[in-house]
Amino acid sequence: MGRKKSNGLPPNVFLQGKRFVYWPYLGCVNGKPKRGQQTVLCGENTPIYQVWVEYKKVIESNDRTIEWLLGEYIKSDEFKQLAQKTQEMRKVYFPKICEAKGNSGHKFGKCPLERLTPPLIKKYLLTVSGNATRNKHKGFMAAAWTWAVGEFEGIPDSPFSKLKLTFKEGSRQEAYVTDEVYSKVYELMRPMYQAAMEIAYLCRAREGEVLALKPDDLLEEGILLQRTKGSVTELTRWSPRLRDAVELLLRACNNQEATTLFHDPDGSPIKPQTFSNRFRKAMNRHLDNGRISIEEKFVFHDLKAKGVSDHTENYSGHKTLAAKTVYLRTAVKIDSTR
C-alpha cells in the first residue's frame, strides 16, 4: 500500500500501511525527489496530536543540525586552509548563529538540516546587525553546507542555492569621521579604546597593526609600525599627542608579562576580530542609550581613513612601485598626523 498524506500531519509524515512514518525530503536529484531514511512514529489509530508529539521527538533528536554542520566544518581540513583572518571571523560567528533564537524561543542552531528553507534563512539573517555581517553569516553557512554534501551521505540539497538574496553593502569610501564626532566618541570610550583610537588615527594604522604593537616598537624617535597587506613598514615620529596616547595605553594595559602593548588583564593579546566586535558593541551601546546618533556611528577602520585624510602628505604607507620593497632597507620615517 502506498503512502497517504492526511490533513493536519507534520511535514514529511505519511500514513504508510498501518503506521505513521517520518520520511524527510532531501531535495531533487535528476528531476526526481530524493528522500532520506524512514522513521516509524506510531500506529495508524494514534490521534493527530500524539503524532505531532512523536514527530517532535524525532526532530529534536536529529543530530544533523545547523550547529552540527558548522561544528564539523570548523574541524575540517578545508576550513583550516582558509586565511587565518577568515577562520577567526567564522569562529566568532559560529556561537552567534547557533544561539540565535526566533520568536518561538527555539535556537537556530538546533534546526535540523532538512527543515532549513530559504525563508527561514532569510528570517534569521534579518536578525543580524549590518548587511556586510549578514552576507558573511550567509557565506559561512553556505560554504559549510557545500563542503558537507561532499563529505556525508544523506545531506539535503543546499537551500542557499535557492536563496537569491544578497544584502547590499554601502561603500565606506566617502565616510569621513569629523573632528567633532571623533571627540564625542572618544570621550565615551574606555581608556584602552581611547588609546587605540588615537594611535590608529595618528599613525594611520589598521586595527591589526595597532594591536600587534610590542614594547620594542616604542623607539626613541617614534613608533615603529609593521604594516600589513604589503604596505611599507614605517616609523611615525613622536608628537605630543602621540606620546600622550602611548602613556594612556601603558596605564590602561599594564600587565608586565604581556608581549603586546594592547592586551587583556591576564596579559593575553587581543585578536583584531575580537577587538573589532568589542568596539562595535560599545558603539551600539552608546547608540542605544542615545549618546550618539546613527550618523555619528563609525567602525574602527574608519580611523585610518581619517588619519590619511588629515595628514599633510596624505601618507598611508601603501607602495607605489613594485620594486620598492626590494631596495628599501630602512623604515620610512613619517610625521604623526597631528
C-alpha atoms as a PDB file:
ATOM      1  CA  MET A   1       0.000   0.000   0.000  1.00  0.00           C
ATOM      2  CA  GLY A   2       1.344   3.441  -0.966  1.00  0.00           C
ATOM      3  CA  ARG A   3       1.876   6.271   1.419  1.00  0.00           C
ATOM      4  CA  LYS A   4      -1.020   8.590   2.239  1.00  0.00           C
ATOM      5  CA  LYS A   5      -0.852  12.199   3.364  1.00  0.00           C
ATOM      6  CA  SER A   6      -3.552  13.229   5.834  1.00  0.00           C
ATOM      7  CA  ASN A   7      -4.533  16.776   6.693  1.00  0.00           C
ATOM      8  CA  GLY A   8      -3.020  18.107   9.892  1.00  0.00           C
ATOM      9  CA  LEU A   9       0.035  15.867   9.857  1.00  0.00           C
ATOM     10  CA  PRO A  10       3.524  17.276  10.443  1.00  0.00           C
ATOM     11  CA  PRO A  11       5.821  17.937   7.448  1.00  0.00           C
ATOM     12  CA  ASN A  12       7.155  14.796   5.728  1.00  0.00           C
ATOM     13  CA  VAL A  13       4.932  12.482   7.826  1.00  0.00           C
ATOM     14  CA  PHE A  14       2.835   9.912   5.952  1.00  0.00           C
ATOM     15  CA  LEU A  15       0.447   7.070   6.723  1.00  0.00           C
ATOM     16  CA  GLN A  16       2.370   4.077   5.393  1.00  0.00           C
ATOM     17  CA  GLY A  17       0.149   0.999   5.616  1.00  0.00           C
ATOM     18  CA  LYS A  18      -0.913   0.819   9.282  1.00  0.00           C
ATOM     19  CA  ARG A  19       1.661   3.215  10.715  1.00  0.00           C
ATOM     20  CA  PHE A  20       2.736   6.819  10.548  1.00  0.00           C
ATOM     21  CA  VAL A  21       6.300   7.333   9.328  1.00  0.00           C
ATOM     22  CA  TYR A  22       8.590  10.320   9.109  1.00  0.00           C
ATOM     23  CA  TRP A  23      10.246  10.383   5.671  1.00  0.00           C
ATOM     24  CA  PRO A  24      12.429  13.520   5.249  1.00  0.00           C
ATOM     25  CA  TYR A  25      12.683  15.197   1.865  1.00  0.00           C
ATOM     26  CA  LEU A  26      16.344  15.704   0.820  1.00  0.00           C
ATOM     27  CA  GLY A  27      15.831  17.637  -2.393  1.00  0.00           C
ATOM     28  CA  CYS A  28      15.616  16.845  -6.079  1.00  0.00           C
ATOM     29  CA  VAL A  29      18.129  14.698  -7.987  1.00  0.00           C
ATOM     30  CA  ASN A  30      17.907  14.469 -11.805  1.00  0.00           C
ATOM     31  CA  GLY A  31      14.383  15.810 -11.665  1.00  0.00           C
ATOM     32  CA  LYS A  32      13.208  13.256  -9.121  1.00  0.00           C
ATOM     33  CA  PRO A  33      12.508  13.834  -5.409  1.00  0.00           C
ATOM     34  CA  LYS A  34      15.008  12.301  -3.021  1.00  0.00           C
ATOM     35  CA  ARG A  35      14.070  11.222   0.488  1.00  0.00           C
ATOM     36  CA  GLY A  36      16.023  10.004   3.483  1.00  0.00           C
ATOM     37  CA  GLN A  37      15.552   7.070   5.827  1.00  0.00           C
ATOM     38  CA  GLN A  38      12.055   6.371   7.162  1.00  0.00           C
ATOM     39  CA  THR A  39      11.380   6.537  10.889  1.00  0.00           C
ATOM     40  CA  VAL A  40       8.268   4.850  12.313  1.00  0.00           C
ATOM     41  CA  LEU A  41       6.406   7.216  14.641  1.00  0.00           C
ATOM     42  CA  CYS A  42       3.292   5.320  15.759  1.00  0.00           C
ATOM     43  CA  GLY A  43       0.296   3.238  14.661  1.00  0.00           C
ATOM     44  CA  GLU A  44      -2.474   4.384  12.315  1.00  0.00           C
ATOM     45  CA  ASN A  45      -5.041   4.817  15.125  1.00  0.00           C
ATOM     46  CA  THR A  46      -2.881   7.306  17.029  1.00  0.00           C
ATOM     47  CA  PRO A  47      -4.531  10.727  17.487  1.00  0.00           C
ATOM     48  CA  ILE A  48      -3.028  13.504  15.350  1.00  0.00           C
ATOM     49  CA  TYR A  49      -1.823  15.467  18.367  1.00  0.00           C
ATOM     50  CA  GLN A  50       0.165  12.417  19.525  1.00  0.00           C
ATOM     51  CA  VAL A  51       1.636  12.039  16.034  1.00  0.00           C
ATOM     52  CA  TRP A  52       2.944  15.589  16.420  1.00  0.00           C
ATOM     53  CA  VAL A  53       4.449  14.690  19.793  1.00  0.00           C
ATOM     54  CA  GLU A  54       6.308  11.723  18.306  1.00  0.00           C
ATOM     55  CA  TYR A  55       7.375  13.812  15.318  1.00  0.00           C
ATOM     56  CA  LYS A  56       8.909  16.484  17.560  1.00  0.00           C
ATOM     57  CA  LYS A  57      10.807  13.815  19.495  1.00  0.00           C
ATOM     58  CA  VAL A  58      12.420  12.617  16.278  1.00  0.00           C
ATOM     59  CA  ILE A  59      13.187  16.126  15.056  1.00  0.00           C
ATOM     60  CA  GLU A  60      14.719  17.204  18.357  1.00  0.00           C
ATOM     61  CA  SER A  61      16.869  14.054  18.497  1.00  0.00           C
ATOM     62  CA  ASN A  62      18.181  14.651  14.992  1.00  0.00           C
ATOM     63  CA  ASP A  63      21.874  15.396  15.424  1.00  0.00           C
ATOM     64  CA  ARG A  64      22.304  16.763  11.911  1.00  0.00           C
ATOM     65  CA  THR A  65      21.522  20.346  12.770  1.00  0.00           C
ATOM     66  CA  ILE A  66      22.939  23.742  11.785  1.00  0.00           C
ATOM     67  CA  GLU A  67      25.142  23.565  14.871  1.00  0.00           C
ATOM     68  CA  TRP A  68      26.403  20.108  13.880  1.00  0.00           C
ATOM     69  CA  LEU A  69      27.067  21.251  10.303  1.00  0.00           C
ATOM     70  CA  LEU A  70      29.106  24.310  11.270  1.00  0.00           C
ATOM     71  CA  GLY A  71      30.938  22.441  14.008  1.00  0.00           C
ATOM     72  CA  GLU A  72      32.041  19.676  11.635  1.00  0.00           C
ATOM     73  CA  TYR A  73      33.082  22.231   9.032  1.00  0.00           C
ATOM     74  CA  ILE A  74      35.262  24.132  11.507  1.00  0.00           C
ATOM     75  CA  LYS A  75      37.077  20.869  12.334  1.00  0.00           C
ATOM     76  CA  SER A  76      37.695  20.060   8.667  1.00  0.00           C
ATOM     77  CA  ASP A  77      40.934  20.350   6.700  1.00  0.00           C
ATOM     78  CA  GLU A  78      39.137  22.572   4.180  1.00  0.00           C
ATOM     79  CA  PHE A  79      38.366  25.112   6.893  1.00  0.00           C
ATOM     80  CA  LYS A  80      41.994  25.062   8.072  1.00  0.00           C
ATOM     81  CA  GLN A  81      43.101  26.016   4.560  1.00  0.00           C
ATOM     82  CA  LEU A  82      41.207  29.315   4.756  1.00  0.00           C
ATOM     83  CA  ALA A  83      43.016  32.554   5.543  1.00  0.00           C
ATOM     84  CA  GLN A  84      43.690  32.933   9.266  1.00  0.00           C
ATOM     85  CA  LYS A  85      41.538  36.055   9.495  1.00  0.00           C
ATOM     86  CA  THR A  86      38.614  34.255   7.828  1.00  0.00           C
ATOM     87  CA  GLN A  87      38.955  31.340  10.250  1.00  0.00           C
ATOM     88  CA  GLU A  88      38.931  33.649  13.271  1.00  0.00           C
ATOM     89  CA  MET A  89      35.960  35.607  11.946  1.00  0.00           C
ATOM     90  CA  ARG A  90      33.876  32.480  11.306  1.00  0.00           C
ATOM     91  CA  LYS A  91      34.724  31.051  14.720  1.00  0.00           C
ATOM     92  CA  VAL A  92      33.277  34.241  16.201  1.00  0.00           C
ATOM     93  CA  TYR A  93      30.126  33.862  14.084  1.00  0.00           C
ATOM     94  CA  PHE A  94      29.665  30.181  14.996  1.00  0.00           C
ATOM     95  CA  PRO A  95      28.184  30.635  18.521  1.00  0.00           C
ATOM     96  CA  LYS A  96      26.165  33.660  17.408  1.00  0.00           C
ATOM     97  CA  ILE A  97      24.451  31.601  14.701  1.00  0.00           C
ATOM     98  CA  CYS A  98      23.858  28.625  16.995  1.00  0.00           C
ATOM     99  CA  GLU A  99      22.488  30.624  19.937  1.00  0.00           C
ATOM    100  CA  ALA A 100      20.193  32.927  17.950  1.00  0.00           C
ATOM    101  CA  LYS A 101      16.531  32.492  18.879  1.00  0.00           C
ATOM    102  CA  GLY A 102      13.387  33.139  16.882  1.00  0.00           C
ATOM    103  CA  ASN A 103      10.005  34.321  18.134  1.00  0.00           C
ATOM    104  CA  SER A 104       9.215  30.768  19.238  1.00  0.00           C
ATOM    105  CA  GLY A 105      12.252  30.721  21.516  1.00  0.00           C
ATOM    106  CA  HIS A 106      13.913  27.834  19.654  1.00  0.00           C
ATOM    107  CA  LYS A 107      17.623  28.145  18.913  1.00  0.00           C
ATOM    108  CA  PHE A 108      18.509  28.480  15.239  1.00  0.00           C
ATOM    109  CA  GLY A 109      21.446  26.121  15.707  1.00  0.00           C
ATOM    110  CA  LYS A 110      19.112  23.274  16.719  1.00  0.00           C
ATOM    111  CA  CYS A 111      17.234  23.371  13.416  1.00  0.00           C
ATOM    112  CA  PRO A 112      17.624  20.049  11.519  1.00  0.00           C
ATOM    113  CA  LEU A 113      19.122  20.461   8.060  1.00  0.00           C
ATOM    114  CA  GLU A 114      16.089  19.070   6.251  1.00  0.00           C
ATOM    115  CA  ARG A 115      13.901  21.751   7.825  1.00  0.00           C
ATOM    116  CA  LEU A 116      16.058  24.699   6.824  1.00  0.00           C
ATOM    117  CA  THR A 117      14.386  26.608   3.997  1.00  0.00           C
ATOM    118  CA  PRO A 118      15.260  29.860   2.161  1.00  0.00           C
ATOM    119  CA  PRO A 119      12.510  31.799   4.030  1.00  0.00           C
ATOM    120  CA  LEU A 120      13.837  30.526   7.381  1.00  0.00           C
ATOM    121  CA  ILE A 121      17.406  31.520   6.455  1.00  0.00           C
ATOM    122  CA  LYS A 122      16.236  34.981   5.421  1.00  0.00           C
ATOM    123  CA  LYS A 123      14.310  35.346   8.670  1.00  0.00           C
ATOM    124  CA  TYR A 124      17.460  34.540  10.637  1.00  0.00           C
ATOM    125  CA  LEU A 125      19.703  36.848   8.595  1.00  0.00           C
ATOM    126  CA  LEU A 126      17.373  39.772   9.248  1.00  0.00           C
ATOM    127  CA  THR A 127      18.106  39.397  12.970  1.00  0.00           C
ATOM    128  CA  VAL A 128      21.810  40.060  12.268  1.00  0.00           C
ATOM    129  CA  SER A 129      23.009  43.650  12.504  1.00  0.00           C
ATOM    130  CA  GLY A 130      24.533  45.103   9.339  1.00  0.00           C
ATOM    131  CA  ASN A 131      24.311  43.981   5.710  1.00  0.00           C
ATOM    132  CA  ALA A 132      28.018  43.152   5.492  1.00  0.00           C
ATOM    133  CA  THR A 133      27.767  40.851   8.514  1.00  0.00           C
ATOM    134  CA  ARG A 134      24.583  39.276   7.143  1.00  0.00           C
ATOM    135  CA  ASN A 135      26.387  38.383   3.934  1.00  0.00           C
ATOM    136  CA  LYS A 136      29.292  36.903   5.908  1.00  0.00           C
ATOM    137  CA  HIS A 137      26.952  34.745   8.026  1.00  0.00           C
ATOM    138  CA  LYS A 138      25.236  33.553   4.869  1.00  0.00           C
ATOM    139  CA  GLY A 139      28.568  32.812   3.156  1.00  0.00           C
ATOM    140  CA  PHE A 140      29.798  30.859   6.175  1.00  0.00           C
ATOM    141  CA  MET A 141      26.721  28.612   6.307  1.00  0.00           C
ATOM    142  CA  ALA A 142      26.634  28.141   2.519  1.00  0.00           C
ATOM    143  CA  ALA A 143      30.311  27.123   2.427  1.00  0.00           C
ATOM    144  CA  ALA A 144      29.794  24.651   5.263  1.00  0.00           C
ATOM    145  CA  TRP A 145      26.791  23.108   3.502  1.00  0.00           C
ATOM    146  CA  THR A 146      28.648  22.743   0.186  1.00  0.00           C
ATOM    147  CA  TRP A 147      31.524  21.038   1.994  1.00  0.00           C
ATOM    148  CA  ALA A 148      29.189  18.670   3.886  1.00  0.00           C
ATOM    149  CA  VAL A 149      27.481  17.461   0.695  1.00  0.00           C
ATOM    150  CA  GLY A 150      30.798  16.000  -0.423  1.00  0.00           C
ATOM    151  CA  GLU A 151      31.608  14.512   2.992  1.00  0.00           C
ATOM    152  CA  PHE A 152      28.424  12.899   4.340  1.00  0.00           C
ATOM    153  CA  GLU A 153      25.641  10.745   2.915  1.00  0.00           C
ATOM    154  CA  GLY A 154      22.073  11.997   3.075  1.00  0.00           C
ATOM    155  CA  ILE A 155      22.774  15.750   3.274  1.00  0.00           C
ATOM    156  CA  PRO A 156      19.814  17.629   1.720  1.00  0.00           C
ATOM    157  CA  ASP A 157      20.334  19.897  -1.280  1.00  0.00           C
ATOM    158  CA  SER A 158      21.600  23.267  -0.182  1.00  0.00           C
ATOM    159  CA  PRO A 159      18.783  25.774   0.419  1.00  0.00           C
ATOM    160  CA  PHE A 160      21.336  28.546  -0.143  1.00  0.00           C
ATOM    161  CA  SER A 161      21.424  27.785  -3.866  1.00  0.00           C
ATOM    162  CA  LYS A 162      17.742  28.717  -3.972  1.00  0.00           C
ATOM    163  CA  LEU A 163      18.140  31.831  -1.835  1.00  0.00           C
ATOM    164  CA  LYS A 164      18.578  34.636  -4.354  1.00  0.00           C
ATOM    165  CA  LEU A 165      19.317  37.179  -1.687  1.00  0.00           C
ATOM    166  CA  THR A 166      22.351  39.388  -1.209  1.00  0.00           C
ATOM    167  CA  PHE A 167      22.271  42.295   1.196  1.00  0.00           C
ATOM    168  CA  LYS A 168      23.555  45.483  -0.382  1.00  0.00           C
ATOM    169  CA  GLU A 169      26.659  46.782   1.333  1.00  0.00           C
ATOM    170  CA  GLY A 170      27.180  50.507   1.230  1.00  0.00           C
ATOM    171  CA  SER A 171      30.636  51.760   0.295  1.00  0.00           C
ATOM    172  CA  ARG A 172      32.626  53.456   3.080  1.00  0.00           C
ATOM    173  CA  GLN A 173      34.890  55.325   0.668  1.00  0.00           C
ATOM    174  CA  GLU A 174      33.028  58.567   1.310  1.00  0.00           C
ATOM    175  CA  ALA A 175      32.728  58.038   5.067  1.00  0.00           C
ATOM    176  CA  TYR A 176      34.754  60.604   6.980  1.00  0.00           C
ATOM    177  CA  VAL A 177      34.819  60.920  10.765  1.00  0.00           C
ATOM    178  CA  THR A 178      34.794  64.606  11.594  1.00  0.00           C
ATOM    179  CA  ASP A 179      36.826  66.032  14.485  1.00  0.00           C
ATOM    180  CA  GLU A 180      33.602  66.759  16.350  1.00  0.00           C
ATOM    181  CA  VAL A 181      32.325  63.172  16.032  1.00  0.00           C
ATOM    182  CA  TYR A 182      35.749  61.757  16.876  1.00  0.00           C
ATOM    183  CA  SER A 183      35.981  63.832  20.067  1.00  0.00           C
ATOM    184  CA  LYS A 184      32.442  62.918  21.088  1.00  0.00           C
ATOM    185  CA  VAL A 185      33.025  59.175  20.709  1.00  0.00           C
ATOM    186  CA  TYR A 186      36.487  59.413  22.271  1.00  0.00           C
ATOM    187  CA  GLU A 187      35.058  60.850  25.491  1.00  0.00           C
ATOM    188  CA  LEU A 188      32.588  57.951  25.746  1.00  0.00           C
ATOM    189  CA  MET A 189      35.165  55.187  25.381  1.00  0.00           C
ATOM    190  CA  ARG A 190      37.256  53.361  27.990  1.00  0.00           C
ATOM    191  CA  PRO A 191      40.968  54.356  28.205  1.00  0.00           C
ATOM    192  CA  MET A 192      42.268  51.381  26.213  1.00  0.00           C
ATOM    193  CA  TYR A 193      39.921  52.175  23.341  1.00  0.00           C
ATOM    194  CA  GLN A 194      40.821  55.857  23.565  1.00  0.00           C
ATOM    195  CA  ALA A 195      44.493  54.941  23.186  1.00  0.00           C
ATOM    196  CA  ALA A 196      43.725  52.627  20.274  1.00  0.00           C
ATOM    197  CA  MET A 197      41.691  55.338  18.539  1.00  0.00           C
ATOM    198  CA  GLU A 198      44.500  57.856  18.900  1.00  0.00           C
ATOM    199  CA  ILE A 199      47.253  55.526  17.683  1.00  0.00           C
ATOM    200  CA  ALA A 200      45.169  54.306  14.726  1.00  0.00           C
ATOM    201  CA  TYR A 201      44.401  57.900  13.747  1.00  0.00           C
ATOM    202  CA  LEU A 202      47.839  59.452  14.345  1.00  0.00           C
ATOM    203  CA  CYS A 203      49.740  56.557  12.734  1.00  0.00           C
ATOM    204  CA  ARG A 204      47.113  55.946  10.019  1.00  0.00           C
ATOM    205  CA  ALA A 205      47.017  52.289  11.040  1.00  0.00           C
ATOM    206  CA  ARG A 206      44.715  49.308  10.691  1.00  0.00           C
ATOM    207  CA  GLU A 207      43.439  47.740  13.900  1.00  0.00           C
ATOM    208  CA  GLY A 208      45.574  44.634  13.336  1.00  0.00           C
ATOM    209  CA  GLU A 209      48.695  46.794  13.076  1.00  0.00           C
ATOM    210  CA  VAL A 210      47.778  48.682  16.238  1.00  0.00           C
ATOM    211  CA  LEU A 211      47.095  45.506  18.226  1.00  0.00           C
ATOM    212  CA  ALA A 212      50.374  43.926  17.059  1.00  0.00           C
ATOM    213  CA  LEU A 213      52.497  46.702  18.592  1.00  0.00           C
ATOM    214  CA  LYS A 214      55.117  45.458  21.063  1.00  0.00           C
ATOM    215  CA  PRO A 215      57.172  47.288  23.706  1.00  0.00           C
ATOM    216  CA  ASP A 216      60.196  47.085  21.407  1.00  0.00           C
ATOM    217  CA  ASP A 217      58.299  49.116  18.793  1.00  0.00           C
ATOM    218  CA  LEU A 218      58.462  52.209  21.027  1.00  0.00           C
ATOM    219  CA  LEU A 219      61.732  53.785  19.906  1.00  0.00           C
ATOM    220  CA  GLU A 220      63.466  56.994  20.869  1.00  0.00           C
ATOM    221  CA  GLU A 221      62.401  58.699  17.656  1.00  0.00           C
ATOM    222  CA  GLY A 222      58.864  57.340  17.444  1.00  0.00           C
ATOM    223  CA  ILE A 223      56.691  54.254  16.936  1.00  0.00           C
ATOM    224  CA  LEU A 224      57.816  51.541  14.527  1.00  0.00           C
ATOM    225  CA  LEU A 225      54.735  50.277  12.715  1.00  0.00           C
ATOM    226  CA  GLN A 226      54.887  46.896  10.987  1.00  0.00           C
ATOM    227  CA  ARG A 227      52.319  47.414   8.250  1.00  0.00           C
ATOM    228  CA  THR A 228      50.359  44.542   6.720  1.00  0.00           C
ATOM    229  CA  LYS A 229      48.790  43.807   3.328  1.00  0.00           C
ATOM    230  CA  GLY A 230      52.021  44.621   1.501  1.00  0.00           C
ATOM    231  CA  SER A 231      52.299  48.184   2.771  1.00  0.00           C
ATOM    232  CA  VAL A 232      55.635  49.684   3.760  1.00  0.00           C
ATOM    233  CA  THR A 233      56.873  49.435   7.352  1.00  0.00           C
ATOM    234  CA  GLU A 234      57.402  52.924   8.775  1.00  0.00           C
ATOM    235  CA  LEU A 235      58.451  54.857  11.837  1.00  0.00           C
ATOM    236  CA  THR A 236      55.959  57.518  12.920  1.00  0.00           C
ATOM    237  CA  ARG A 237      57.786  60.303  14.720  1.00  0.00           C
ATOM    238  CA  TRP A 238      56.635  61.354  18.166  1.00  0.00           C
ATOM    239  CA  SER A 239      54.227  64.244  18.556  1.00  0.00           C
ATOM    240  CA  PRO A 240      52.927  65.431  21.962  1.00  0.00           C
ATOM    241  CA  ARG A 241      49.541  63.912  21.167  1.00  0.00           C
ATOM    242  CA  LEU A 242      51.054  60.569  20.163  1.00  0.00           C
ATOM    243  CA  ARG A 243      53.139  60.454  23.372  1.00  0.00           C
ATOM    244  CA  ASP A 244      50.006  61.141  25.424  1.00  0.00           C
ATOM    245  CA  ALA A 245      48.204  58.273  23.655  1.00  0.00           C
ATOM    246  CA  VAL A 246      51.003  55.808  24.442  1.00  0.00           C
ATOM    247  CA  GLU A 247      51.172  56.922  28.079  1.00  0.00           C
ATOM    248  CA  LEU A 248      47.413  56.418  28.330  1.00  0.00           C
ATOM    249  CA  LEU A 249      47.810  52.939  26.833  1.00  0.00           C
ATOM    250  CA  LEU A 250      50.582  51.960  29.266  1.00  0.00           C
ATOM    251  CA  ARG A 251      48.366  52.930  32.192  1.00  0.00           C
ATOM    252  CA  ALA A 252      45.339  51.067  30.814  1.00  0.00           C
ATOM    253  CA  CYS A 253      47.231  47.897  29.801  1.00  0.00           C
ATOM    254  CA  ASN A 254      49.854  47.297  32.461  1.00  0.00           C
ATOM    255  CA  ASN A 255      50.407  43.548  32.710  1.00  0.00           C
ATOM    256  CA  GLN A 256      54.197  43.217  32.882  1.00  0.00           C
ATOM    257  CA  GLU A 257      54.101  39.692  31.441  1.00  0.00           C
ATOM    258  CA  ALA A 258      52.305  40.741  28.252  1.00  0.00           C
ATOM    259  CA  THR A 259      54.138  40.523  24.939  1.00  0.00           C
ATOM    260  CA  THR A 260      51.970  43.145  23.202  1.00  0.00           C
ATOM    261  CA  LEU A 261      51.156  46.703  24.253  1.00  0.00           C
ATOM    262  CA  PHE A 262      47.432  46.111  23.844  1.00  0.00           C
ATOM    263  CA  HIS A 263      46.320  43.138  25.953  1.00  0.00           C
ATOM    264  CA  ASP A 264      43.609  41.806  28.216  1.00  0.00           C
ATOM    265  CA  PRO A 265      44.061  41.988  32.023  1.00  0.00           C
ATOM    266  CA  ASP A 266      45.580  38.498  32.045  1.00  0.00           C
ATOM    267  CA  GLY A 267      48.228  39.662  29.573  1.00  0.00           C
ATOM    268  CA  SER A 268      46.893  37.763  26.553  1.00  0.00           C
ATOM    269  CA  PRO A 269      46.995  39.532  23.163  1.00  0.00           C
ATOM    270  CA  ILE A 270      43.728  40.806  21.701  1.00  0.00           C
ATOM    271  CA  LYS A 271      42.766  39.431  18.295  1.00  0.00           C
ATOM    272  CA  PRO A 272      41.654  42.011  15.703  1.00  0.00           C
ATOM    273  CA  GLN A 273      38.255  40.380  15.217  1.00  0.00           C
ATOM    274  CA  THR A 274      37.669  40.310  18.983  1.00  0.00           C
ATOM    275  CA  PHE A 275      38.689  43.948  19.320  1.00  0.00           C
ATOM    276  CA  SER A 276      36.504  44.944  16.366  1.00  0.00           C
ATOM    277  CA  ASN A 277      33.485  43.204  17.913  1.00  0.00           C
ATOM    278  CA  ARG A 278      34.063  44.870  21.289  1.00  0.00           C
ATOM    279  CA  PHE A 279      34.421  48.297  19.698  1.00  0.00           C
ATOM    280  CA  ARG A 280      31.263  47.777  17.649  1.00  0.00           C
ATOM    281  CA  LYS A 281      29.307  46.663  20.716  1.00  0.00           C
ATOM    282  CA  ALA A 282      30.483  49.747  22.611  1.00  0.00           C
ATOM    283  CA  MET A 283      29.315  51.963  19.750  1.00  0.00           C
ATOM    284  CA  ASN A 284      25.964  50.159  19.677  1.00  0.00           C
ATOM    285  CA  ARG A 285      25.506  50.691  23.426  1.00  0.00           C
ATOM    286  CA  HIS A 286      26.088  54.409  23.045  1.00  0.00           C
ATOM    287  CA  LEU A 287      23.712  54.439  20.082  1.00  0.00           C
ATOM    288  CA  ASP A 288      21.011  52.617  22.069  1.00  0.00           C
ATOM    289  CA  ASN A 289      21.490  54.987  25.008  1.00  0.00           C
ATOM    290  CA  GLY A 290      21.065  57.999  22.747  1.00  0.00           C
ATOM    291  CA  ARG A 291      24.611  59.296  23.361  1.00  0.00           C
ATOM    292  CA  ILE A 292      25.432  59.170  19.667  1.00  0.00           C
ATOM    293  CA  SER A 293      23.235  59.215  16.566  1.00  0.00           C
ATOM    294  CA  ILE A 294      23.226  56.693  13.737  1.00  0.00           C
ATOM    295  CA  GLU A 295      25.026  59.293  11.586  1.00  0.00           C
ATOM    296  CA  GLU A 296      27.809  59.532  14.178  1.00  0.00           C
ATOM    297  CA  LYS A 297      28.424  55.803  14.393  1.00  0.00           C
ATOM    298  CA  PHE A 298      31.573  54.558  12.672  1.00  0.00           C
ATOM    299  CA  VAL A 299      33.741  51.440  12.538  1.00  0.00           C
ATOM    300  CA  PHE A 300      37.281  51.359  13.881  1.00  0.00           C
ATOM    301  CA  HIS A 301      38.849  51.020  10.418  1.00  0.00           C
ATOM    302  CA  ASP A 302      37.419  54.447   9.506  1.00  0.00           C
ATOM    303  CA  LEU A 303      40.070  55.984  11.765  1.00  0.00           C
ATOM    304  CA  LYS A 304      42.867  55.042   9.370  1.00  0.00           C
ATOM    305  CA  ALA A 305      40.999  56.830   6.570  1.00  0.00           C
ATOM    306  CA  LYS A 306      40.596  59.884   8.799  1.00  0.00           C
ATOM    307  CA  GLY A 307      44.315  59.823   9.656  1.00  0.00           C
ATOM    308  CA  VAL A 308      45.288  59.646   5.984  1.00  0.00           C
ATOM    309  CA  SER A 309      42.792  62.370   5.041  1.00  0.00           C
ATOM    310  CA  ASP A 310      44.032  64.718   7.767  1.00  0.00           C
ATOM    311  CA  HIS A 311      47.759  64.064   7.175  1.00  0.00           C
ATOM    312  CA  THR A 312      49.669  66.898   5.497  1.00  0.00           C
ATOM    313  CA  GLU A 313      51.019  64.474   2.885  1.00  0.00           C
ATOM    314  CA  ASN A 314      48.046  62.066   2.944  1.00  0.00           C
ATOM    315  CA  TYR A 315      50.573  59.335   3.712  1.00  0.00           C
ATOM    316  CA  SER A 316      49.113  55.844   4.089  1.00  0.00           C
ATOM    317  CA  GLY A 317      52.121  53.526   3.789  1.00  0.00           C
ATOM    318  CA  HIS A 318      50.970  51.916   0.552  1.00  0.00           C
ATOM    319  CA  LYS A 319      53.609  51.003  -2.028  1.00  0.00           C
ATOM    320  CA  THR A 320      53.712  52.905  -5.338  1.00  0.00           C
ATOM    321  CA  LEU A 321      56.406  50.807  -7.058  1.00  0.00           C
ATOM    322  CA  ALA A 322      56.580  47.022  -7.158  1.00  0.00           C
ATOM    323  CA  ALA A 323      60.350  47.043  -6.592  1.00  0.00           C
ATOM    324  CA  LYS A 324      60.217  49.332  -3.582  1.00  0.00           C
ATOM    325  CA  THR A 325      60.391  46.544  -1.008  1.00  0.00           C
ATOM    326  CA  VAL A 326      63.411  45.008  -2.730  1.00  0.00           C
ATOM    327  CA  TYR A 327      65.570  48.113  -2.334  1.00  0.00           C
ATOM    328  CA  LEU A 328      64.169  49.592   0.878  1.00  0.00           C
ATOM    329  CA  ARG A 329      66.430  48.626   3.777  1.00  0.00           C
ATOM    330  CA  THR A 330      65.212  51.020   6.476  1.00  0.00           C
ATOM    331  CA  ALA A 331      61.731  52.016   7.605  1.00  0.00           C
ATOM    332  CA  VAL A 332      60.252  55.190   6.128  1.00  0.00           C
ATOM    333  CA  LYS A 333      60.096  57.963   8.734  1.00  0.00           C
ATOM    334  CA  ILE A 334      56.839  59.911   8.722  1.00  0.00           C
ATOM    335  CA  ASP A 335      55.454  62.620  10.976  1.00  0.00           C
ATOM    336  CA  SER A 336      52.385  61.874  13.086  1.00  0.00           C
ATOM    337  CA  THR A 337      49.087  63.075  11.613  1.00  0.00           C
ATOM    338  CA  ARG A 338      48.908  65.636  14.440  1.00  0.00           C
END
